[in-house]
């Protein structure tokens, strides 16, 4: 096992121990089907392990997209079927959040952690 693979496993272990399950949901528009013109959206969900945190004072500097009430959701990357992206939903602690922005911690091509900015 490579060093960063071990770090990804350790991140998952620690977040699972001190964090909580998070459901990420992506709603994609269905392709047009002439036999079913009403269509319907396709919902893709996955469960991950995450920690919901407040942003610190330094992160509220001018010219950022962070507004009061936003939270930082750190999600372990190991075992996820797909990576997060803006505008998906995250269900944490019985509340639904919208992902505004995300950052991937990915040294040497091995995803370890996703840091999501979420807004209710």
PDB file of N, CA and C in Angstrom:
ATOM      1  N   UNK A   1       0.848  -1.178   0.000  1.00  0.00           N
ATOM      2  CA  UNK A   1       0.000   0.000   0.000  1.00  0.00           C
ATOM      3  C   UNK A   1       0.894   1.241   0.000  1.00  0.00           C
ATOM      4  N   UNK A   2       0.631   2.161  -0.886  1.00  0.00           N
ATOM      5  CA  UNK A   2       1.425   3.382  -0.994  1.00  0.00           C
ATOM      6  C   UNK A   2       1.130   4.310   0.190  1.00  0.00           C
ATOM      7  N   UNK A   3       2.031   5.242   0.412  1.00  0.00           N
ATOM      8  CA  UNK A   3       1.909   6.169   1.535  1.00  0.00           C
ATOM      9  C   UNK A   3       0.576   6.910   1.532  1.00  0.00           C
ATOM     10  N   UNK A   4       0.193   7.493   0.390  1.00  0.00           N
ATOM     11  CA  UNK A   4      -1.040   8.274   0.338  1.00  0.00           C
ATOM     12  C   UNK A   4      -2.285   7.395   0.429  1.00  0.00           C
ATOM     13  N   UNK A   5      -2.203   6.158  -0.006  1.00  0.00           N
ATOM     14  CA  UNK A   5      -3.311   5.232   0.200  1.00  0.00           C
ATOM     15  C   UNK A   5      -3.525   4.991   1.700  1.00  0.00           C
ATOM     16  N   UNK A   6      -2.411   4.884   2.439  1.00  0.00           N
ATOM     17  CA  UNK A   6      -2.494   4.723   3.887  1.00  0.00           C
ATOM     18  C   UNK A   6      -3.077   5.965   4.541  1.00  0.00           C
ATOM     19  N   UNK A   7      -2.713   7.146   4.026  1.00  0.00           N
ATOM     20  CA  UNK A   7      -3.250   8.398   4.570  1.00  0.00           C
ATOM     21  C   UNK A   7      -4.758   8.495   4.305  1.00  0.00           C
ATOM     22  N   UNK A   8      -5.210   8.057   3.131  1.00  0.00           N
ATOM     23  CA  UNK A   8      -6.639   8.070   2.817  1.00  0.00           C
ATOM     24  C   UNK A   8      -7.388   7.128   3.755  1.00  0.00           C
ATOM     25  N   UNK A   9      -6.819   5.961   4.028  1.00  0.00           N
ATOM     26  CA  UNK A   9      -7.443   5.006   4.948  1.00  0.00           C
ATOM     27  C   UNK A   9      -7.489   5.564   6.367  1.00  0.00           C
ATOM     28  N   UNK A  10      -6.429   6.246   6.778  1.00  0.00           N
ATOM     29  CA  UNK A  10      -6.386   6.850   8.112  1.00  0.00           C
ATOM     30  C   UNK A  10      -7.408   7.980   8.226  1.00  0.00           C
ATOM     31  N   UNK A  11      -7.533   8.805   7.182  1.00  0.00           N
ATOM     32  CA  UNK A  11      -8.525   9.890   7.187  1.00  0.00           C
ATOM     33  C   UNK A  11      -9.926   9.316   7.336  1.00  0.00           C
ATOM     34  N   UNK A  12     -10.226   8.251   6.599  1.00  0.00           N
ATOM     35  CA  UNK A  12     -11.540   7.622   6.698  1.00  0.00           C
ATOM     36  C   UNK A  12     -11.770   7.065   8.103  1.00  0.00           C
ATOM     37  N   UNK A  13     -10.765   6.421   8.656  1.00  0.00           N
ATOM     38  CA  UNK A  13     -10.890   5.842   9.996  1.00  0.00           C
ATOM     39  C   UNK A  13     -11.165   6.916  11.049  1.00  0.00           C
ATOM     40  N   UNK A  14     -10.421   8.024  10.996  1.00  0.00           N
ATOM     41  CA  UNK A  14     -10.589   9.090  11.991  1.00  0.00           C
ATOM     42  C   UNK A  14     -11.919   9.813  11.827  1.00  0.00           C
ATOM     43  N   UNK A  15     -12.307  10.083  10.586  1.00  0.00           N
ATOM     44  CA  UNK A  15     -13.574  10.781  10.363  1.00  0.00           C
ATOM     45  C   UNK A  15     -14.742   9.877  10.729  1.00  0.00           C
ATOM     46  N   UNK A  16     -14.627   8.584  10.469  1.00  0.00           N
ATOM     47  CA  UNK A  16     -15.689   7.648  10.862  1.00  0.00           C
ATOM     48  C   UNK A  16     -15.816   7.596  12.383  1.00  0.00           C
ATOM     49  N   UNK A  17     -14.680   7.669  13.086  1.00  0.00           N
ATOM     50  CA  UNK A  17     -14.697   7.603  14.543  1.00  0.00           C
ATOM     51  C   UNK A  17     -15.250   8.876  15.173  1.00  0.00           C
ATOM     52  N   UNK A  18     -14.848  10.045  14.655  1.00  0.00           N
ATOM     53  CA  UNK A  18     -15.215  11.313  15.284  1.00  0.00           C
ATOM     54  C   UNK A  18     -16.286  12.088  14.511  1.00  0.00           C
ATOM     55  N   UNK A  19     -16.629  11.632  13.333  1.00  0.00           N
ATOM     56  CA  UNK A  19     -17.610  12.331  12.515  1.00  0.00           C
ATOM     57  C   UNK A  19     -18.944  11.614  12.506  1.00  0.00           C
ATOM     58  N   UNK A  20     -19.589  11.661  11.346  1.00  0.00           N
ATOM     59  CA  UNK A  20     -20.917  11.081  11.215  1.00  0.00           C
ATOM     60  C   UNK A  20     -21.185  10.735   9.757  1.00  0.00           C
ATOM     61  N   UNK A  21     -22.177   9.892   9.505  1.00  0.00           N
ATOM     62  CA  UNK A  21     -22.528   9.595   8.116  1.00  0.00           C
ATOM     63  C   UNK A  21     -23.145  10.826   7.447  1.00  0.00           C
ATOM     64  N   UNK A  22     -22.814  11.005   6.189  1.00  0.00           N
ATOM     65  CA  UNK A  22     -23.300  12.110   5.373  1.00  0.00           C
ATOM     66  C   UNK A  22     -23.858  11.508   4.089  1.00  0.00           C
ATOM     67  N   UNK A  23     -25.033  11.943   3.672  1.00  0.00           N
ATOM     68  CA  UNK A  23     -25.597  11.488   2.407  1.00  0.00           C
ATOM     69  C   UNK A  23     -25.445  12.591   1.382  1.00  0.00           C
ATOM     70  N   UNK A  24     -24.730  12.292   0.299  1.00  0.00           N
ATOM     71  CA  UNK A  24     -24.566  13.233  -0.803  1.00  0.00           C
ATOM     72  C   UNK A  24     -25.535  12.835  -1.899  1.00  0.00           C
ATOM     73  N   UNK A  25     -26.261  13.831  -2.437  1.00  0.00           N
ATOM     74  CA  UNK A  25     -27.298  13.554  -3.419  1.00  0.00           C
ATOM     75  C   UNK A  25     -27.131  14.477  -4.625  1.00  0.00           C
ATOM     76  N   UNK A  26     -27.041  13.867  -5.790  1.00  0.00           N
ATOM     77  CA  UNK A  26     -26.940  14.607  -7.044  1.00  0.00           C
ATOM     78  C   UNK A  26     -28.203  14.338  -7.847  1.00  0.00           C
ATOM     79  N   UNK A  27     -28.886  15.393  -8.237  1.00  0.00           N
ATOM     80  CA  UNK A  27     -30.114  15.263  -9.020  1.00  0.00           C
ATOM     81  C   UNK A  27     -29.797  15.678 -10.448  1.00  0.00           C
ATOM     82  N   UNK A  28     -29.900  14.725 -11.365  1.00  0.00           N
ATOM     83  CA  UNK A  28     -29.563  14.974 -12.768  1.00  0.00           C
ATOM     84  C   UNK A  28     -30.833  14.895 -13.605  1.00  0.00           C
ATOM     85  N   UNK A  29     -30.932  15.807 -14.553  1.00  0.00           N
ATOM     86  CA  UNK A  29     -32.086  15.798 -15.449  1.00  0.00           C
ATOM     87  C   UNK A  29     -32.021  14.559 -16.338  1.00  0.00           C
ATOM     88  N   UNK A  30     -33.149  13.895 -16.466  1.00  0.00           N
ATOM     89  CA  UNK A  30     -33.209  12.693 -17.302  1.00  0.00           C
ATOM     90  C   UNK A  30     -33.188  13.086 -18.773  1.00  0.00           C
ATOM     91  N   UNK A  31     -32.677  12.198 -19.596  1.00  0.00           N
ATOM     92  CA  UNK A  31     -32.692  12.431 -21.034  1.00  0.00           C
ATOM     93  C   UNK A  31     -34.129  12.351 -21.530  1.00  0.00           C
ATOM     94  N   UNK A  32     -34.404  13.082 -22.592  1.00  0.00           N
ATOM     95  CA  UNK A  32     -35.758  13.097 -23.142  1.00  0.00           C
ATOM     96  C   UNK A  32     -36.108  11.728 -23.714  1.00  0.00           C
ATOM     97  N   UNK A  33     -37.277  11.247 -23.340  1.00  0.00           N
ATOM     98  CA  UNK A  33     -37.782   9.975 -23.838  1.00  0.00           C
ATOM     99  C   UNK A  33     -39.144  10.233 -24.468  1.00  0.00           C
ATOM    100  N   UNK A  34     -39.290  10.053 -25.799  1.00  0.00           N
ATOM    101  CA  UNK A  34     -40.576  10.353 -26.437  1.00  0.00           C
ATOM    102  C   UNK A  34     -41.717   9.474 -25.926  1.00  0.00           C
ATOM    103  N   UNK A  35     -41.414   8.300 -25.401  1.00  0.00           N
ATOM    104  CA  UNK A  35     -42.447   7.417 -24.857  1.00  0.00           C
ATOM    105  C   UNK A  35     -42.913   7.875 -23.471  1.00  0.00           C
ATOM    106  N   UNK A  36     -42.084   8.684 -22.820  1.00  0.00           N
ATOM    107  CA  UNK A  36     -42.413   9.200 -21.494  1.00  0.00           C
ATOM    108  C   UNK A  36     -42.044  10.680 -21.448  1.00  0.00           C
ATOM    109  N   UNK A  37     -42.836  11.548 -22.072  1.00  0.00           N
ATOM    110  CA  UNK A  37     -42.465  12.961 -22.159  1.00  0.00           C
ATOM    111  C   UNK A  37     -42.408  13.657 -20.803  1.00  0.00           C
ATOM    112  N   UNK A  38     -43.114  13.136 -19.805  1.00  0.00           N
ATOM    113  CA  UNK A  38     -43.043  13.751 -18.479  1.00  0.00           C
ATOM    114  C   UNK A  38     -41.658  13.563 -17.879  1.00  0.00           C
ATOM    115  N   UNK A  39     -40.985  12.499 -18.294  1.00  0.00           N
ATOM    116  CA  UNK A  39     -39.615  12.243 -17.835  1.00  0.00           C
ATOM    117  C   UNK A  39     -39.536  12.089 -16.339  1.00  0.00           C
ATOM    118  N   UNK A  40     -38.467  12.548 -15.805  1.00  0.00           N
ATOM    119  CA  UNK A  40     -38.233  12.467 -14.372  1.00  0.00           C
ATOM    120  C   UNK A  40     -36.745  12.590 -14.118  1.00  0.00           C
ATOM    121  N   UNK A  41     -36.431  13.225 -13.037  1.00  0.00           N
ATOM    122  CA  UNK A  41     -35.022  13.396 -12.699  1.00  0.00           C
ATOM    123  C   UNK A  41     -34.427  12.091 -12.185  1.00  0.00           C
ATOM    124  N   UNK A  42     -33.134  11.955 -12.371  1.00  0.00           N
ATOM    125  CA  UNK A  42     -32.391  10.808 -11.873  1.00  0.00           C
ATOM    126  C   UNK A  42     -31.663  11.258 -10.607  1.00  0.00           C
ATOM    127  N   UNK A  43     -31.900  10.570  -9.518  1.00  0.00           N
ATOM    128  CA  UNK A  43     -31.275  10.915  -8.244  1.00  0.00           C
ATOM    129  C   UNK A  43     -30.201   9.884  -7.936  1.00  0.00           C
ATOM    130  N   UNK A  44     -28.976  10.378  -7.734  1.00  0.00           N
ATOM    131  CA  UNK A  44     -27.848   9.513  -7.394  1.00  0.00           C
ATOM    132  C   UNK A  44     -27.415   9.879  -5.975  1.00  0.00           C
ATOM    133  N   UNK A  45     -27.375   8.883  -5.102  1.00  0.00           N
ATOM    134  CA  UNK A  45     -26.986   9.122  -3.712  1.00  0.00           C
ATOM    135  C   UNK A  45     -25.809   8.242  -3.331  1.00  0.00           C
ATOM    136  N   UNK A  46     -25.033   8.744  -2.391  1.00  0.00           N
ATOM    137  CA  UNK A  46     -23.983   7.939  -1.780  1.00  0.00           C
ATOM    138  C   UNK A  46     -23.811   8.397  -0.340  1.00  0.00           C
ATOM    139  N   UNK A  47     -23.416   7.466   0.492  1.00  0.00           N
ATOM    140  CA  UNK A  47     -23.162   7.783   1.890  1.00  0.00           C
ATOM    141  C   UNK A  47     -21.660   7.829   2.104  1.00  0.00           C
ATOM    142  N   UNK A  48     -21.223   8.846   2.827  1.00  0.00           N
ATOM    143  CA  UNK A  48     -19.808   9.027   3.128  1.00  0.00           C
ATOM    144  C   UNK A  48     -19.683   9.374   4.607  1.00  0.00           C
ATOM    145  N   UNK A  49     -18.456   9.507   5.066  1.00  0.00           N
ATOM    146  CA  UNK A  49     -18.199   9.905   6.445  1.00  0.00           C
ATOM    147  C   UNK A  49     -17.704  11.344   6.437  1.00  0.00           C
ATOM    148  N   UNK A  50     -18.285  12.181   7.294  1.00  0.00           N
ATOM    149  CA  UNK A  50     -17.901  13.586   7.286  1.00  0.00           C
ATOM    150  C   UNK A  50     -17.941  14.230   8.656  1.00  0.00           C
ATOM    151  N   UNK A  51     -17.365  15.420   8.714  1.00  0.00           N
ATOM    152  CA  UNK A  51     -17.360  16.244   9.923  1.00  0.00           C
ATOM    153  C   UNK A  51     -17.824  17.637   9.515  1.00  0.00           C
ATOM    154  N   UNK A  52     -18.847  18.156  10.193  1.00  0.00           N
ATOM    155  CA  UNK A  52     -19.389  19.479   9.906  1.00  0.00           C
ATOM    156  C   UNK A  52     -18.767  20.477  10.875  1.00  0.00           C
ATOM    157  N   UNK A  53     -18.130  21.515  10.336  1.00  0.00           N
ATOM    158  CA  UNK A  53     -17.404  22.495  11.138  1.00  0.00           C
ATOM    159  C   UNK A  53     -17.813  23.914  10.768  1.00  0.00           C
ATOM    160  N   UNK A  54     -17.530  24.853  11.662  1.00  0.00           N
ATOM    161  CA  UNK A  54     -17.707  26.273  11.360  1.00  0.00           C
ATOM    162  C   UNK A  54     -16.456  26.797  10.666  1.00  0.00           C
ATOM    163  N   UNK A  55     -16.625  27.827   9.847  1.00  0.00           N
ATOM    164  CA  UNK A  55     -15.466  28.507   9.284  1.00  0.00           C
ATOM    165  C   UNK A  55     -14.839  29.371  10.367  1.00  0.00           C
ATOM    166  N   UNK A  56     -13.539  29.581  10.287  1.00  0.00           N
ATOM    167  CA  UNK A  56     -12.841  30.410  11.265  1.00  0.00           C
ATOM    168  C   UNK A  56     -12.848  31.858  10.808  1.00  0.00           C
ATOM    169  N   UNK A  57     -12.444  32.766  11.696  1.00  0.00           N
ATOM    170  CA  UNK A  57     -12.446  34.198  11.397  1.00  0.00           C
ATOM    171  C   UNK A  57     -11.630  34.574  10.184  1.00  0.00           C
ATOM    172  N   UNK A  58     -10.465  33.958   9.997  1.00  0.00           N
ATOM    173  CA  UNK A  58      -9.611  34.299   8.864  1.00  0.00           C
ATOM    174  C   UNK A  58     -10.248  33.922   7.532  1.00  0.00           C
ATOM    175  N   UNK A  59     -11.109  32.936   7.543  1.00  0.00           N
ATOM    176  CA  UNK A  59     -11.734  32.493   6.300  1.00  0.00           C
ATOM    177  C   UNK A  59     -12.836  33.442   5.830  1.00  0.00           C
ATOM    178  N   UNK A  60     -13.247  34.371   6.688  1.00  0.00           N
ATOM    179  CA  UNK A  60     -14.277  35.340   6.323  1.00  0.00           C
ATOM    180  C   UNK A  60     -13.686  36.632   5.763  1.00  0.00           C
ATOM    181  N   UNK A  61     -12.487  36.584   5.242  1.00  0.00           N
ATOM    182  CA  UNK A  61     -11.861  37.788   4.689  1.00  0.00           C
ATOM    183  C   UNK A  61     -12.675  38.307   3.515  1.00  0.00           C
ATOM    184  N   UNK A  62     -12.399  39.539   3.141  1.00  0.00           N
ATOM    185  CA  UNK A  62     -13.102  40.143   2.006  1.00  0.00           C
ATOM    186  C   UNK A  62     -12.871  39.348   0.730  1.00  0.00           C
ATOM    187  N   UNK A  63     -13.792  39.481  -0.189  1.00  0.00           N
ATOM    188  CA  UNK A  63     -13.712  38.870  -1.515  1.00  0.00           C
ATOM    189  C   UNK A  63     -13.743  37.341  -1.473  1.00  0.00           C
ATOM    190  N   UNK A  64     -14.495  36.767  -0.546  1.00  0.00           N
ATOM    191  CA  UNK A  64     -14.690  35.323  -0.537  1.00  0.00           C
ATOM    192  C   UNK A  64     -16.166  35.037  -0.767  1.00  0.00           C
ATOM    193  N   UNK A  65     -16.474  33.815  -1.085  1.00  0.00           N
ATOM    194  CA  UNK A  65     -17.860  33.408  -1.289  1.00  0.00           C
ATOM    195  C   UNK A  65     -18.513  32.937   0.006  1.00  0.00           C
ATOM    196  N   UNK A  66     -17.782  32.996   1.108  1.00  0.00           N
ATOM    197  CA  UNK A  66     -18.291  32.520   2.383  1.00  0.00           C
ATOM    198  C   UNK A  66     -19.185  33.590   2.996  1.00  0.00           C
ATOM    199  N   UNK A  67     -20.386  33.196   3.370  1.00  0.00           N
ATOM    200  CA  UNK A  67     -21.300  34.106   4.045  1.00  0.00           C
ATOM    201  C   UNK A  67     -21.646  33.528   5.416  1.00  0.00           C
ATOM    202  N   UNK A  68     -22.158  34.387   6.280  1.00  0.00           N
ATOM    203  CA  UNK A  68     -22.502  33.949   7.625  1.00  0.00           C
ATOM    204  C   UNK A  68     -23.518  32.811   7.550  1.00  0.00           C
ATOM    205  N   UNK A  69     -23.290  31.769   8.288  1.00  0.00           N
ATOM    206  CA  UNK A  69     -24.168  30.599   8.280  1.00  0.00           C
ATOM    207  C   UNK A  69     -23.627  29.439   7.466  1.00  0.00           C
ATOM    208  N   UNK A  70     -22.659  29.717   6.578  1.00  0.00           N
ATOM    209  CA  UNK A  70     -22.044  28.629   5.819  1.00  0.00           C
ATOM    210  C   UNK A  70     -21.247  27.739   6.764  1.00  0.00           C
ATOM    211  N   UNK A  71     -21.125  26.500   6.395  1.00  0.00           N
ATOM    212  CA  UNK A  71     -20.346  25.529   7.176  1.00  0.00           C
ATOM    213  C   UNK A  71     -19.325  24.867   6.272  1.00  0.00           C
ATOM    214  N   UNK A  72     -18.343  24.273   6.916  1.00  0.00           N
ATOM    215  CA  UNK A  72     -17.305  23.503   6.225  1.00  0.00           C
ATOM    216  C   UNK A  72     -17.589  22.034   6.526  1.00  0.00           C
ATOM    217  N   UNK A  73     -17.734  21.241   5.475  1.00  0.00           N
ATOM    218  CA  UNK A  73     -17.985  19.811   5.624  1.00  0.00           C
ATOM    219  C   UNK A  73     -16.788  19.066   5.060  1.00  0.00           C
ATOM    220  N   UNK A  74     -16.047  18.393   5.934  1.00  0.00           N
ATOM    221  CA  UNK A  74     -14.893  17.604   5.499  1.00  0.00           C
ATOM    222  C   UNK A  74     -15.343  16.159   5.361  1.00  0.00           C
ATOM    223  N   UNK A  75     -15.116  15.602   4.162  1.00  0.00           N
ATOM    224  CA  UNK A  75     -15.596  14.262   3.839  1.00  0.00           C
ATOM    225  C   UNK A  75     -14.406  13.400   3.424  1.00  0.00           C
ATOM    226  N   UNK A  76     -14.311  12.200   3.994  1.00  0.00           N
ATOM    227  CA  UNK A  76     -13.255  11.259   3.620  1.00  0.00           C
ATOM    228  C   UNK A  76     -13.515  10.769   2.195  1.00  0.00           C
ATOM    229  N   UNK A  77     -12.483  10.770   1.370  1.00  0.00           N
ATOM    230  CA  UNK A  77     -12.627  10.427  -0.049  1.00  0.00           C
ATOM    231  C   UNK A  77     -12.623   8.923  -0.304  1.00  0.00           C
ATOM    232  N   UNK A  78     -11.977   8.161   0.550  1.00  0.00           N
ATOM    233  CA  UNK A  78     -11.837   6.723   0.318  1.00  0.00           C
ATOM    234  C   UNK A  78     -13.203   6.040   0.305  1.00  0.00           C
ATOM    235  N   UNK A  79     -13.460   5.259  -0.715  1.00  0.00           N
ATOM    236  CA  UNK A  79     -14.689   4.501  -0.820  1.00  0.00           C
ATOM    237  C   UNK A  79     -15.841   5.231  -1.485  1.00  0.00           C
ATOM    238  N   UNK A  80     -15.638   6.485  -1.858  1.00  0.00           N
ATOM    239  CA  UNK A  80     -16.727   7.217  -2.512  1.00  0.00           C
ATOM    240  C   UNK A  80     -16.816   6.810  -3.983  1.00  0.00           C
ATOM    241  N   UNK A  81     -18.041   6.653  -4.478  1.00  0.00           N
ATOM    242  CA  UNK A  81     -18.262   6.247  -5.861  1.00  0.00           C
ATOM    243  C   UNK A  81     -18.023   7.409  -6.829  1.00  0.00           C
ATOM    244  N   UNK A  82     -18.311   8.633  -6.392  1.00  0.00           N
ATOM    245  CA  UNK A  82     -18.103   9.818  -7.225  1.00  0.00           C
ATOM    246  C   UNK A  82     -17.750  10.979  -6.315  1.00  0.00           C
ATOM    247  N   UNK A  83     -17.021  11.935  -6.878  1.00  0.00           N
ATOM    248  CA  UNK A  83     -16.601  13.058  -6.046  1.00  0.00           C
ATOM    249  C   UNK A  83     -17.643  14.165  -6.059  1.00  0.00           C
ATOM    250  N   UNK A  84     -17.698  14.931  -4.977  1.00  0.00           N
ATOM    251  CA  UNK A  84     -18.689  16.006  -4.878  1.00  0.00           C
ATOM    252  C   UNK A  84     -18.446  17.088  -5.925  1.00  0.00           C
ATOM    253  N   UNK A  85     -19.477  17.900  -6.132  1.00  0.00           N
ATOM    254  CA  UNK A  85     -19.386  19.040  -7.039  1.00  0.00           C
ATOM    255  C   UNK A  85     -20.368  20.094  -6.546  1.00  0.00           C
ATOM    256  N   UNK A  86     -20.224  21.317  -7.005  1.00  0.00           N
ATOM    257  CA  UNK A  86     -21.163  22.357  -6.575  1.00  0.00           C
ATOM    258  C   UNK A  86     -22.605  22.020  -6.964  1.00  0.00           C
ATOM    259  N   UNK A  87     -23.528  22.494  -6.146  1.00  0.00           N
ATOM    260  CA  UNK A  87     -24.981  22.401  -6.316  1.00  0.00           C
ATOM    261  C   UNK A  87     -25.590  21.047  -5.974  1.00  0.00           C
ATOM    262  N   UNK A  88     -24.789  20.063  -5.539  1.00  0.00           N
ATOM    263  CA  UNK A  88     -25.398  18.836  -5.039  1.00  0.00           C
ATOM    264  C   UNK A  88     -25.872  19.096  -3.616  1.00  0.00           C
ATOM    265  N   UNK A  89     -26.619  18.188  -3.072  1.00  0.00           N
ATOM    266  CA  UNK A  89     -27.150  18.309  -1.714  1.00  0.00           C
ATOM    267  C   UNK A  89     -26.376  17.397  -0.773  1.00  0.00           C
ATOM    268  N   UNK A  90     -26.263  17.835   0.476  1.00  0.00           N
ATOM    269  CA  UNK A  90     -25.622  17.039   1.518  1.00  0.00           C
ATOM    270  C   UNK A  90     -26.557  17.015   2.728  1.00  0.00           C
ATOM    271  N   UNK A  91     -26.946  15.820   3.148  1.00  0.00           N
ATOM    272  CA  UNK A  91     -27.785  15.668   4.327  1.00  0.00           C
ATOM    273  C   UNK A  91     -26.888  15.342   5.515  1.00  0.00           C
ATOM    274  N   UNK A  92     -26.875  16.269   6.494  1.00  0.00           N
ATOM    275  CA  UNK A  92     -26.039  16.116   7.682  1.00  0.00           C
ATOM    276  C   UNK A  92     -26.867  16.521   8.892  1.00  0.00           C
ATOM    277  N   UNK A  93     -26.873  15.711   9.916  1.00  0.00           N
ATOM    278  CA  UNK A  93     -27.559  15.999  11.166  1.00  0.00           C
ATOM    279  C   UNK A  93     -29.023  16.367  10.938  1.00  0.00           C
ATOM    280  N   UNK A  94     -29.689  15.695  10.007  1.00  0.00           N
ATOM    281  CA  UNK A  94     -31.092  15.935   9.755  1.00  0.00           C
ATOM    282  C   UNK A  94     -31.401  17.205   8.993  1.00  0.00           C
ATOM    283  N   UNK A  95     -30.384  17.852   8.461  1.00  0.00           N
ATOM    284  CA  UNK A  95     -30.563  19.098   7.721  1.00  0.00           C
ATOM    285  C   UNK A  95     -29.968  18.949   6.330  1.00  0.00           C
ATOM    286  N   UNK A  96     -30.609  19.544   5.339  1.00  0.00           N
ATOM    287  CA  UNK A  96     -30.103  19.481   3.971  1.00  0.00           C
ATOM    288  C   UNK A  96     -29.341  20.754   3.642  1.00  0.00           C
ATOM    289  N   UNK A  97     -28.138  20.572   3.147  1.00  0.00           N
ATOM    290  CA  UNK A  97     -27.253  21.669   2.775  1.00  0.00           C
ATOM    291  C   UNK A  97     -26.991  21.592   1.272  1.00  0.00           C
ATOM    292  N   UNK A  98     -26.701  22.729   0.662  1.00  0.00           N
ATOM    293  CA  UNK A  98     -26.306  22.784  -0.740  1.00  0.00           C
ATOM    294  C   UNK A  98     -24.810  23.051  -0.802  1.00  0.00           C
ATOM    295  N   UNK A  99     -24.103  22.286  -1.628  1.00  0.00           N
ATOM    296  CA  UNK A  99     -22.662  22.488  -1.784  1.00  0.00           C
ATOM    297  C   UNK A  99     -22.445  23.719  -2.667  1.00  0.00           C
ATOM    298  N   UNK A 100     -21.724  24.686  -2.137  1.00  0.00           N
ATOM    299  CA  UNK A 100     -21.426  25.925  -2.852  1.00  0.00           C
ATOM    300  C   UNK A 100     -20.088  25.809  -3.572  1.00  0.00           C
ATOM    301  N   UNK A 101     -19.132  25.238  -2.904  1.00  0.00           N
ATOM    302  CA  UNK A 101     -17.779  25.116  -3.436  1.00  0.00           C
ATOM    303  C   UNK A 101     -17.132  23.883  -2.819  1.00  0.00           C
ATOM    304  N   UNK A 102     -16.115  23.355  -3.473  1.00  0.00           N
ATOM    305  CA  UNK A 102     -15.401  22.239  -2.860  1.00  0.00           C
ATOM    306  C   UNK A 102     -13.938  22.265  -3.261  1.00  0.00           C
ATOM    307  N   UNK A 103     -13.144  21.670  -2.395  1.00  0.00           N
ATOM    308  CA  UNK A 103     -11.712  21.556  -2.633  1.00  0.00           C
ATOM    309  C   UNK A 103     -11.331  20.109  -2.387  1.00  0.00           C
ATOM    310  N   UNK A 104     -10.515  19.574  -3.280  1.00  0.00           N
ATOM    311  CA  UNK A 104     -10.068  18.190  -3.161  1.00  0.00           C
ATOM    312  C   UNK A 104      -8.639  18.175  -2.639  1.00  0.00           C
ATOM    313  N   UNK A 105      -8.402  17.453  -1.555  1.00  0.00           N
ATOM    314  CA  UNK A 105      -7.050  17.237  -1.047  1.00  0.00           C
ATOM    315  C   UNK A 105      -6.567  15.973  -1.740  1.00  0.00           C
ATOM    316  N   UNK A 106      -5.627  16.129  -2.670  1.00  0.00           N
ATOM    317  CA  UNK A 106      -5.276  15.057  -3.590  1.00  0.00           C
ATOM    318  C   UNK A 106      -3.773  15.049  -3.877  1.00  0.00           C
ATOM    319  N   UNK A 107      -2.940  14.733  -2.889  1.00  0.00           N
ATOM    320  CA  UNK A 107      -1.500  14.700  -3.163  1.00  0.00           C
ATOM    321  C   UNK A 107      -1.129  13.479  -4.006  1.00  0.00           C
ATOM    322  N   UNK A 108      -0.323  13.684  -4.992  1.00  0.00           N
ATOM    323  CA  UNK A 108       0.190  12.602  -5.850  1.00  0.00           C
ATOM    324  C   UNK A 108      -0.920  11.787  -6.507  1.00  0.00           C
ATOM    325  N   UNK A 109      -2.077  12.418  -6.765  1.00  0.00           N
ATOM    326  CA  UNK A 109      -3.151  11.740  -7.477  1.00  0.00           C
ATOM    327  C   UNK A 109      -4.012  10.808  -6.647  1.00  0.00           C
ATOM    328  N   UNK A 110      -3.873  10.846  -5.331  1.00  0.00           N
ATOM    329  CA  UNK A 110      -4.677   9.995  -4.455  1.00  0.00           C
ATOM    330  C   UNK A 110      -5.628  10.875  -3.643  1.00  0.00           C
ATOM    331  N   UNK A 111      -6.926  10.862  -3.949  1.00  0.00           N
ATOM    332  CA  UNK A 111      -7.868  11.667  -3.161  1.00  0.00           C
ATOM    333  C   UNK A 111      -7.901  11.197  -1.707  1.00  0.00           C
ATOM    334  N   UNK A 112      -7.717  12.127  -0.788  1.00  0.00           N
ATOM    335  CA  UNK A 112      -7.734  11.807   0.635  1.00  0.00           C
ATOM    336  C   UNK A 112      -8.961  12.401   1.312  1.00  0.00           C
ATOM    337  N   UNK A 113      -9.264  13.656   0.959  1.00  0.00           N
ATOM    338  CA  UNK A 113     -10.303  14.394   1.663  1.00  0.00           C
ATOM    339  C   UNK A 113     -10.931  15.402   0.717  1.00  0.00           C
ATOM    340  N   UNK A 114     -12.231  15.626   0.885  1.00  0.00           N
ATOM    341  CA  UNK A 114     -12.929  16.699   0.182  1.00  0.00           C
ATOM    342  C   UNK A 114     -13.393  17.698   1.236  1.00  0.00           C
ATOM    343  N   UNK A 115     -13.112  18.964   0.995  1.00  0.00           N
ATOM    344  CA  UNK A 115     -13.566  20.028   1.877  1.00  0.00           C
ATOM    345  C   UNK A 115     -14.662  20.793   1.147  1.00  0.00           C
ATOM    346  N   UNK A 116     -15.890  20.698   1.647  1.00  0.00           N
ATOM    347  CA  UNK A 116     -17.037  21.302   0.990  1.00  0.00           C
ATOM    348  C   UNK A 116     -17.500  22.531   1.757  1.00  0.00           C
ATOM    349  N   UNK A 117     -17.812  23.585   1.039  1.00  0.00           N
ATOM    350  CA  UNK A 117     -18.489  24.737   1.631  1.00  0.00           C
ATOM    351  C   UNK A 117     -19.962  24.512   1.387  1.00  0.00           C
ATOM    352  N   UNK A 118     -20.753  24.418   2.480  1.00  0.00           N
ATOM    353  CA  UNK A 118     -22.167  24.123   2.345  1.00  0.00           C
ATOM    354  C   UNK A 118     -23.007  25.249   2.934  1.00  0.00           C
ATOM    355  N   UNK A 119     -24.219  25.398   2.389  1.00  0.00           N
ATOM    356  CA  UNK A 119     -25.119  26.471   2.806  1.00  0.00           C
ATOM    357  C   UNK A 119     -26.525  25.883   2.911  1.00  0.00           C
ATOM    358  N   UNK A 120     -27.239  26.302   3.968  1.00  0.00           N
ATOM    359  CA  UNK A 120     -28.614  25.786   4.133  1.00  0.00           C
ATOM    360  C   UNK A 120     -29.619  26.712   3.483  1.00  0.00           C
TER     361      UNK A 120
END
